[in-house]
Amino acid sequence: MSACAMFSLTSPSLLAFDKARAEGNVATIYGIARVPCDTYRRELLDPLSPAWLRPLFTNGLRQCQRGKALAPMAFLADDD
């Protein structure tokens, strides 16, 4: 739930998210009593094989390419 809350609230860092959690309604809305630290998240994610996550990124990147969302990020001139 912390990851969903952090992305939906667009916090720039875990520290900013923890501050918003302490000051706002994050605990009420998302049911988060405490923000997990970096070490905990790494221990949780390290056993996962990147191969499991690759399709998510591949599909997301494909959709961004089809929708031309990446075009403004190009930094090399197109010689065509």
PDB file of N, CA and C in Angstrom:
ATOM      1  N   MET A   1       0.823  -1.198   0.000  1.00  0.00           N
ATOM      2  CA  MET A   1       0.000   0.000   0.000  1.00  0.00           C
ATOM      3  C   MET A   1       0.866   1.261   0.000  1.00  0.00           C
ATOM      4  N   SER A   2       2.029   1.176   0.638  1.00  0.00           N
ATOM      5  CA  SER A   2       2.914   2.339   0.679  1.00  0.00           C
ATOM      6  C   SER A   2       3.345   2.747  -0.722  1.00  0.00           C
ATOM      7  N   ALA A   3       3.666   1.758  -1.564  1.00  0.00           N
ATOM      8  CA  ALA A   3       4.091   2.070  -2.930  1.00  0.00           C
ATOM      9  C   ALA A   3       2.949   2.724  -3.705  1.00  0.00           C
ATOM     10  N   CYS A   4       1.744   2.195  -3.577  1.00  0.00           N
ATOM     11  CA  CYS A   4       0.584   2.793  -4.258  1.00  0.00           C
ATOM     12  C   CYS A   4       0.350   4.218  -3.771  1.00  0.00           C
ATOM     13  N   ALA A   5       0.437   4.410  -2.484  1.00  0.00           N
ATOM     14  CA  ALA A   5       0.220   5.744  -1.922  1.00  0.00           C
ATOM     15  C   ALA A   5       1.303   6.709  -2.377  1.00  0.00           C
ATOM     16  N   MET A   6       2.563   6.251  -2.394  1.00  0.00           N
ATOM     17  CA  MET A   6       3.658   7.135  -2.770  1.00  0.00           C
ATOM     18  C   MET A   6       3.528   7.580  -4.221  1.00  0.00           C
ATOM     19  N   PHE A   7       3.167   6.640  -5.109  1.00  0.00           N
ATOM     20  CA  PHE A   7       3.027   7.006  -6.515  1.00  0.00           C
ATOM     21  C   PHE A   7       1.782   7.849  -6.771  1.00  0.00           C
ATOM     22  N   SER A   8       0.707   7.572  -6.086  1.00  0.00           N
ATOM     23  CA  SER A   8      -0.502   8.357  -6.323  1.00  0.00           C
ATOM     24  C   SER A   8      -0.387   9.764  -5.740  1.00  0.00           C
ATOM     25  N   LEU A   9       0.422   9.926  -4.708  1.00  0.00           N
ATOM     26  CA  LEU A   9       0.625  11.254  -4.114  1.00  0.00           C
ATOM     27  C   LEU A   9       1.816  11.971  -4.728  1.00  0.00           C
ATOM     28  N   THR A  10       2.536  11.316  -5.621  1.00  0.00           N
ATOM     29  CA  THR A  10       3.706  11.855  -6.318  1.00  0.00           C
ATOM     30  C   THR A  10       4.701  12.512  -5.382  1.00  0.00           C
ATOM     31  N   SER A  11       5.069  11.804  -4.343  1.00  0.00           N
ATOM     32  CA  SER A  11       6.090  12.295  -3.428  1.00  0.00           C
ATOM     33  C   SER A  11       7.457  12.188  -4.092  1.00  0.00           C
ATOM     34  N   PRO A  12       8.284  13.231  -3.999  1.00  0.00           N
ATOM     35  CA  PRO A  12       9.591  13.198  -4.648  1.00  0.00           C
ATOM     36  C   PRO A  12      10.602  12.291  -3.948  1.00  0.00           C
ATOM     37  N   SER A  13      10.358  11.945  -2.685  1.00  0.00           N
ATOM     38  CA  SER A  13      11.284  11.090  -1.950  1.00  0.00           C
ATOM     39  C   SER A  13      10.536  10.379  -0.825  1.00  0.00           C
ATOM     40  N   LEU A  14      11.198   9.373  -0.242  1.00  0.00           N
ATOM     41  CA  LEU A  14      10.599   8.679   0.892  1.00  0.00           C
ATOM     42  C   LEU A  14      10.448   9.618   2.081  1.00  0.00           C
ATOM     43  N   LEU A  15      11.416  10.528   2.246  1.00  0.00           N
ATOM     44  CA  LEU A  15      11.338  11.474   3.351  1.00  0.00           C
ATOM     45  C   LEU A  15      10.116  12.385   3.201  1.00  0.00           C
ATOM     46  N   ALA A  16       9.889  12.887   1.993  1.00  0.00           N
ATOM     47  CA  ALA A  16       8.721  13.737   1.745  1.00  0.00           C
ATOM     48  C   ALA A  16       7.428  12.948   1.940  1.00  0.00           C
ATOM     49  N   PHE A  17       7.429  11.692   1.509  1.00  0.00           N
ATOM     50  CA  PHE A  17       6.246  10.851   1.686  1.00  0.00           C
ATOM     51  C   PHE A  17       5.974  10.599   3.163  1.00  0.00           C
ATOM     52  N   ASP A  18       7.037  10.320   3.934  1.00  0.00           N
ATOM     53  CA  ASP A  18       6.868  10.083   5.365  1.00  0.00           C
ATOM     54  C   ASP A  18       6.352  11.335   6.070  1.00  0.00           C
ATOM     55  N   LYS A  19       6.818  12.497   5.626  1.00  0.00           N
ATOM     56  CA  LYS A  19       6.331  13.757   6.209  1.00  0.00           C
ATOM     57  C   LYS A  19       4.846  13.947   5.892  1.00  0.00           C
ATOM     58  N   ALA A  20       4.466  13.679   4.645  1.00  0.00           N
ATOM     59  CA  ALA A  20       3.057  13.797   4.255  1.00  0.00           C
ATOM     60  C   ALA A  20       2.201  12.798   5.028  1.00  0.00           C
ATOM     61  N   ARG A  21       2.762  11.606   5.252  1.00  0.00           N
ATOM     62  CA  ARG A  21       2.032  10.590   6.006  1.00  0.00           C
ATOM     63  C   ARG A  21       1.787  11.044   7.436  1.00  0.00           C
ATOM     64  N   ALA A  22       2.800  11.643   8.025  1.00  0.00           N
ATOM     65  CA  ALA A  22       2.684  12.092   9.405  1.00  0.00           C
ATOM     66  C   ALA A  22       1.734  13.272   9.549  1.00  0.00           C
ATOM     67  N   GLU A  23       1.698  14.140   8.526  1.00  0.00           N
ATOM     68  CA  GLU A  23       0.897  15.358   8.613  1.00  0.00           C
ATOM     69  C   GLU A  23      -0.498  15.229   8.013  1.00  0.00           C
ATOM     70  N   GLY A  24      -0.691  14.276   7.121  1.00  0.00           N
ATOM     71  CA  GLY A  24      -1.954  14.216   6.385  1.00  0.00           C
ATOM     72  C   GLY A  24      -2.809  13.022   6.713  1.00  0.00           C
ATOM     73  N   ASN A  25      -3.631  12.660   5.752  1.00  0.00           N
ATOM     74  CA  ASN A  25      -4.588  11.575   5.919  1.00  0.00           C
ATOM     75  C   ASN A  25      -4.131  10.271   5.290  1.00  0.00           C
ATOM     76  N   VAL A  26      -2.829  10.149   5.024  1.00  0.00           N
ATOM     77  CA  VAL A  26      -2.335   8.944   4.362  1.00  0.00           C
ATOM     78  C   VAL A  26      -2.653   7.700   5.185  1.00  0.00           C
ATOM     79  N   ALA A  27      -2.491   7.785   6.486  1.00  0.00           N
ATOM     80  CA  ALA A  27      -2.782   6.634   7.345  1.00  0.00           C
ATOM     81  C   ALA A  27      -4.258   6.267   7.278  1.00  0.00           C
ATOM     82  N   THR A  28      -5.118   7.260   7.214  1.00  0.00           N
ATOM     83  CA  THR A  28      -6.562   7.007   7.156  1.00  0.00           C
ATOM     84  C   THR A  28      -6.971   6.445   5.801  1.00  0.00           C
ATOM     85  N   ILE A  29      -6.481   7.041   4.726  1.00  0.00           N
ATOM     86  CA  ILE A  29      -6.882   6.648   3.371  1.00  0.00           C
ATOM     87  C   ILE A  29      -6.288   5.299   2.981  1.00  0.00           C
ATOM     88  N   TYR A  30      -4.973   5.138   3.213  1.00  0.00           N
ATOM     89  CA  TYR A  30      -4.280   3.939   2.757  1.00  0.00           C
ATOM     90  C   TYR A  30      -4.020   2.915   3.857  1.00  0.00           C
ATOM     91  N   GLY A  31      -4.291   3.259   5.102  1.00  0.00           N
ATOM     92  CA  GLY A  31      -4.062   2.335   6.211  1.00  0.00           C
ATOM     93  C   GLY A  31      -2.594   2.102   6.518  1.00  0.00           C
ATOM     94  N   ILE A  32      -1.766   3.125   6.321  1.00  0.00           N
ATOM     95  CA  ILE A  32      -0.329   3.001   6.542  1.00  0.00           C
ATOM     96  C   ILE A  32       0.025   3.620   7.883  1.00  0.00           C
ATOM     97  N   ALA A  33       0.559   2.812   8.765  1.00  0.00           N
ATOM     98  CA  ALA A  33       0.962   3.325  10.074  1.00  0.00           C
ATOM     99  C   ALA A  33       2.409   3.794  10.056  1.00  0.00           C
ATOM    100  N   ARG A  34       3.233   3.143   9.225  1.00  0.00           N
ATOM    101  CA  ARG A  34       4.656   3.450   9.186  1.00  0.00           C
ATOM    102  C   ARG A  34       5.168   3.225   7.771  1.00  0.00           C
ATOM    103  N   VAL A  35       6.049   4.100   7.292  1.00  0.00           N
ATOM    104  CA  VAL A  35       6.614   3.955   5.952  1.00  0.00           C
ATOM    105  C   VAL A  35       7.789   2.983   6.020  1.00  0.00           C
ATOM    106  N   PRO A  36       7.819   1.965   5.140  1.00  0.00           N
ATOM    107  CA  PRO A  36       8.942   1.028   5.155  1.00  0.00           C
ATOM    108  C   PRO A  36      10.235   1.715   4.721  1.00  0.00           C
ATOM    109  N   CYS A  37      11.336   1.336   5.347  1.00  0.00           N
ATOM    110  CA  CYS A  37      12.627   1.940   5.022  1.00  0.00           C
ATOM    111  C   CYS A  37      13.204   1.296   3.761  1.00  0.00           C
ATOM    112  N   ASP A  38      14.249   1.911   3.209  1.00  0.00           N
ATOM    113  CA  ASP A  38      14.901   1.390   2.011  1.00  0.00           C
ATOM    114  C   ASP A  38      15.391  -0.035   2.209  1.00  0.00           C
ATOM    115  N   THR A  39      16.003  -0.291   3.353  1.00  0.00           N
ATOM    116  CA  THR A  39      16.559  -1.616   3.624  1.00  0.00           C
ATOM    117  C   THR A  39      15.473  -2.679   3.577  1.00  0.00           C
ATOM    118  N   TYR A  40      14.333  -2.409   4.173  1.00  0.00           N
ATOM    119  CA  TYR A  40      13.231  -3.368   4.169  1.00  0.00           C
ATOM    120  C   TYR A  40      12.765  -3.644   2.736  1.00  0.00           C
ATOM    121  N   ARG A  41      12.624  -2.587   1.946  1.00  0.00           N
ATOM    122  CA  ARG A  41      12.161  -2.768   0.563  1.00  0.00           C
ATOM    123  C   ARG A  41      13.171  -3.556  -0.252  1.00  0.00           C
ATOM    124  N   ARG A  42      14.463  -3.295  -0.043  1.00  0.00           N
ATOM    125  CA  ARG A  42      15.481  -4.051  -0.762  1.00  0.00           C
ATOM    126  C   ARG A  42      15.446  -5.528  -0.369  1.00  0.00           C
ATOM    127  N   GLU A  43      15.323  -5.808   0.924  1.00  0.00           N
ATOM    128  CA  GLU A  43      15.260  -7.196   1.378  1.00  0.00           C
ATOM    129  C   GLU A  43      14.040  -7.904   0.804  1.00  0.00           C
ATOM    130  N   LEU A  44      12.971  -7.179   0.633  1.00  0.00           N
ATOM    131  CA  LEU A  44      11.748  -7.744   0.092  1.00  0.00           C
ATOM    132  C   LEU A  44      11.864  -8.011  -1.413  1.00  0.00           C
ATOM    133  N   LEU A  45      12.525  -7.100  -2.134  1.00  0.00           N
ATOM    134  CA  LEU A  45      12.588  -7.198  -3.589  1.00  0.00           C
ATOM    135  C   LEU A  45      13.795  -7.959  -4.122  1.00  0.00           C
ATOM    136  N   ASP A  46      14.891  -8.029  -3.369  1.00  0.00           N
ATOM    137  CA  ASP A  46      16.109  -8.670  -3.864  1.00  0.00           C
ATOM    138  C   ASP A  46      15.918 -10.118  -4.306  1.00  0.00           C
ATOM    139  N   PRO A  47      15.126 -10.924  -3.609  1.00  0.00           N
ATOM    140  CA  PRO A  47      14.962 -12.321  -4.070  1.00  0.00           C
ATOM    141  C   PRO A  47      14.205 -12.451  -5.391  1.00  0.00           C
ATOM    142  N   LEU A  48      13.495 -11.428  -5.812  1.00  0.00           N
ATOM    143  CA  LEU A  48      12.736 -11.510  -7.060  1.00  0.00           C
ATOM    144  C   LEU A  48      13.657 -11.447  -8.263  1.00  0.00           C
ATOM    145  N   SER A  49      13.389 -12.281  -9.232  1.00  0.00           N
ATOM    146  CA  SER A  49      14.156 -12.264 -10.469  1.00  0.00           C
ATOM    147  C   SER A  49      13.684 -11.086 -11.330  1.00  0.00           C
ATOM    148  N   PRO A  50      14.622 -10.327 -11.903  1.00  0.00           N
ATOM    149  CA  PRO A  50      14.226  -9.225 -12.796  1.00  0.00           C
ATOM    150  C   PRO A  50      13.401  -9.704 -13.984  1.00  0.00           C
ATOM    151  N   ALA A  51      13.542 -10.972 -14.330  1.00  0.00           N
ATOM    152  CA  ALA A  51      12.769 -11.518 -15.452  1.00  0.00           C
ATOM    153  C   ALA A  51      11.267 -11.442 -15.188  1.00  0.00           C
ATOM    154  N   TRP A  52      10.861 -11.489 -13.931  1.00  0.00           N
ATOM    155  CA  TRP A  52       9.439 -11.386 -13.595  1.00  0.00           C
ATOM    156  C   TRP A  52       8.913  -9.980 -13.854  1.00  0.00           C
ATOM    157  N   LEU A  53       9.765  -8.988 -13.693  1.00  0.00           N
ATOM    158  CA  LEU A  53       9.334  -7.605 -13.850  1.00  0.00           C
ATOM    159  C   LEU A  53       9.501  -7.087 -15.280  1.00  0.00           C
ATOM    160  N   ARG A  54      10.341  -7.742 -16.049  1.00  0.00           N
ATOM    161  CA  ARG A  54      10.633  -7.267 -17.409  1.00  0.00           C
ATOM    162  C   ARG A  54       9.384  -7.079 -18.276  1.00  0.00           C
ATOM    163  N   PRO A  55       8.408  -8.014 -18.278  1.00  0.00           N
ATOM    164  CA  PRO A  55       7.213  -7.800 -19.110  1.00  0.00           C
ATOM    165  C   PRO A  55       6.446  -6.525 -18.751  1.00  0.00           C
ATOM    166  N   LEU A  56       6.441  -6.156 -17.485  1.00  0.00           N
ATOM    167  CA  LEU A  56       5.753  -4.927 -17.096  1.00  0.00           C
ATOM    168  C   LEU A  56       6.407  -3.710 -17.730  1.00  0.00           C
ATOM    169  N   PHE A  57       7.734  -3.678 -17.682  1.00  0.00           N
ATOM    170  CA  PHE A  57       8.450  -2.557 -18.269  1.00  0.00           C
ATOM    171  C   PHE A  57       8.374  -2.577 -19.791  1.00  0.00           C
ATOM    172  N   THR A  58       8.456  -3.772 -20.364  1.00  0.00           N
ATOM    173  CA  THR A  58       8.389  -3.894 -21.825  1.00  0.00           C
ATOM    174  C   THR A  58       7.039  -3.405 -22.335  1.00  0.00           C
ATOM    175  N   ASN A  59       5.972  -3.843 -21.709  1.00  0.00           N
ATOM    176  CA  ASN A  59       4.637  -3.420 -22.138  1.00  0.00           C
ATOM    177  C   ASN A  59       4.439  -1.927 -21.921  1.00  0.00           C
ATOM    178  N   GLY A  60       4.889  -1.413 -20.786  1.00  0.00           N
ATOM    179  CA  GLY A  60       4.755   0.021 -20.518  1.00  0.00           C
ATOM    180  C   GLY A  60       5.547   0.856 -21.505  1.00  0.00           C
ATOM    181  N   LEU A  61       6.778   0.428 -21.803  1.00  0.00           N
ATOM    182  CA  LEU A  61       7.611   1.149 -22.762  1.00  0.00           C
ATOM    183  C   LEU A  61       7.005   1.109 -24.154  1.00  0.00           C
ATOM    184  N   ARG A  62       6.462  -0.036 -24.519  1.00  0.00           N
ATOM    185  CA  ARG A  62       5.819  -0.175 -25.832  1.00  0.00           C
ATOM    186  C   ARG A  62       4.652   0.804 -25.964  1.00  0.00           C
ATOM    187  N   GLN A  63       3.843   0.917 -24.926  1.00  0.00           N
ATOM    188  CA  GLN A  63       2.709   1.844 -24.961  1.00  0.00           C
ATOM    189  C   GLN A  63       3.190   3.300 -25.050  1.00  0.00           C
ATOM    190  N   CYS A  64       4.247   3.619 -24.341  1.00  0.00           N
ATOM    191  CA  CYS A  64       4.803   4.984 -24.404  1.00  0.00           C
ATOM    192  C   CYS A  64       5.336   5.293 -25.799  1.00  0.00           C
ATOM    193  N   GLN A  65       5.970   4.313 -26.441  1.00  0.00           N
ATOM    194  CA  GLN A  65       6.478   4.517 -27.792  1.00  0.00           C
ATOM    195  C   GLN A  65       5.345   4.692 -28.792  1.00  0.00           C
ATOM    196  N   ARG A  66       4.316   3.892 -28.673  1.00  0.00           N
ATOM    197  CA  ARG A  66       3.167   4.003 -29.591  1.00  0.00           C
ATOM    198  C   ARG A  66       2.448   5.328 -29.437  1.00  0.00           C
ATOM    199  N   GLY A  67       2.371   5.815 -28.223  1.00  0.00           N
ATOM    200  CA  GLY A  67       1.686   7.071 -27.966  1.00  0.00           C
ATOM    201  C   GLY A  67       2.563   8.296 -28.147  1.00  0.00           C
ATOM    202  N   LYS A  68       3.799   8.104 -28.612  1.00  0.00           N
ATOM    203  CA  LYS A  68       4.755   9.194 -28.847  1.00  0.00           C
ATOM    204  C   LYS A  68       5.086   9.979 -27.577  1.00  0.00           C
ATOM    205  N   ALA A  69       4.934   9.339 -26.415  1.00  0.00           N
ATOM    206  CA  ALA A  69       5.224  10.015 -25.149  1.00  0.00           C
ATOM    207  C   ALA A  69       6.721  10.205 -24.933  1.00  0.00           C
ATOM    208  N   LEU A  70       7.542   9.409 -25.626  1.00  0.00           N
ATOM    209  CA  LEU A  70       8.987   9.501 -25.450  1.00  0.00           C
ATOM    210  C   LEU A  70       9.642  10.470 -26.431  1.00  0.00           C
ATOM    211  N   ALA A  71       8.921  10.906 -27.446  1.00  0.00           N
ATOM    212  CA  ALA A  71       9.491  11.792 -28.460  1.00  0.00           C
ATOM    213  C   ALA A  71      10.084  13.078 -27.870  1.00  0.00           C
ATOM    214  N   PRO A  72       9.424  13.736 -26.919  1.00  0.00           N
ATOM    215  CA  PRO A  72      10.015  14.964 -26.358  1.00  0.00           C
ATOM    216  C   PRO A  72      11.306  14.712 -25.574  1.00  0.00           C
ATOM    217  N   MET A  73      11.583  13.464 -25.230  1.00  0.00           N
ATOM    218  CA  MET A  73      12.772  13.140 -24.453  1.00  0.00           C
ATOM    219  C   MET A  73      13.977  12.806 -25.332  1.00  0.00           C
ATOM    220  N   ALA A  74      13.804  12.757 -26.640  1.00  0.00           N
ATOM    221  CA  ALA A  74      14.902  12.452 -27.544  1.00  0.00           C
ATOM    222  C   ALA A  74      15.905  13.596 -27.540  1.00  0.00           C
ATOM    223  N   PHE A  75      17.188  13.233 -27.518  1.00  0.00           N
ATOM    224  CA  PHE A  75      18.200  14.282 -27.470  1.00  0.00           C
ATOM    225  C   PHE A  75      19.113  14.261 -28.686  1.00  0.00           C
ATOM    226  N   LEU A  76      18.994  13.253 -29.532  1.00  0.00           N
ATOM    227  CA  LEU A  76      19.766  13.203 -30.758  1.00  0.00           C
ATOM    228  C   LEU A  76      18.897  13.701 -31.910  1.00  0.00           C
ATOM    229  N   ALA A  77      19.509  14.437 -32.810  1.00  0.00           N
ATOM    230  CA  ALA A  77      18.777  14.942 -33.961  1.00  0.00           C
ATOM    231  C   ALA A  77      18.422  13.800 -34.893  1.00  0.00           C
ATOM    232  N   ASP A  78      17.215  13.830 -35.427  1.00  0.00           N
ATOM    233  CA  ASP A  78      16.776  12.829 -36.386  1.00  0.00           C
ATOM    234  C   ASP A  78      17.224  13.264 -37.771  1.00  0.00           C
ATOM    235  N   ASP A  79      18.070  12.468 -38.416  1.00  0.00           N
ATOM    236  CA  ASP A  79      18.628  12.847 -39.721  1.00  0.00           C
ATOM    237  C   ASP A  79      17.730  12.508 -40.890  1.00  0.00           C
ATOM    238  N   ASP A  80      16.577  11.929 -40.643  1.00  0.00           N
ATOM    239  CA  ASP A  80      15.674  11.544 -41.741  1.00  0.00           C
ATOM    240  C   ASP A  80      15.011  12.721 -42.364  1.00  0.00           C
TER     241      ASP A  80
END
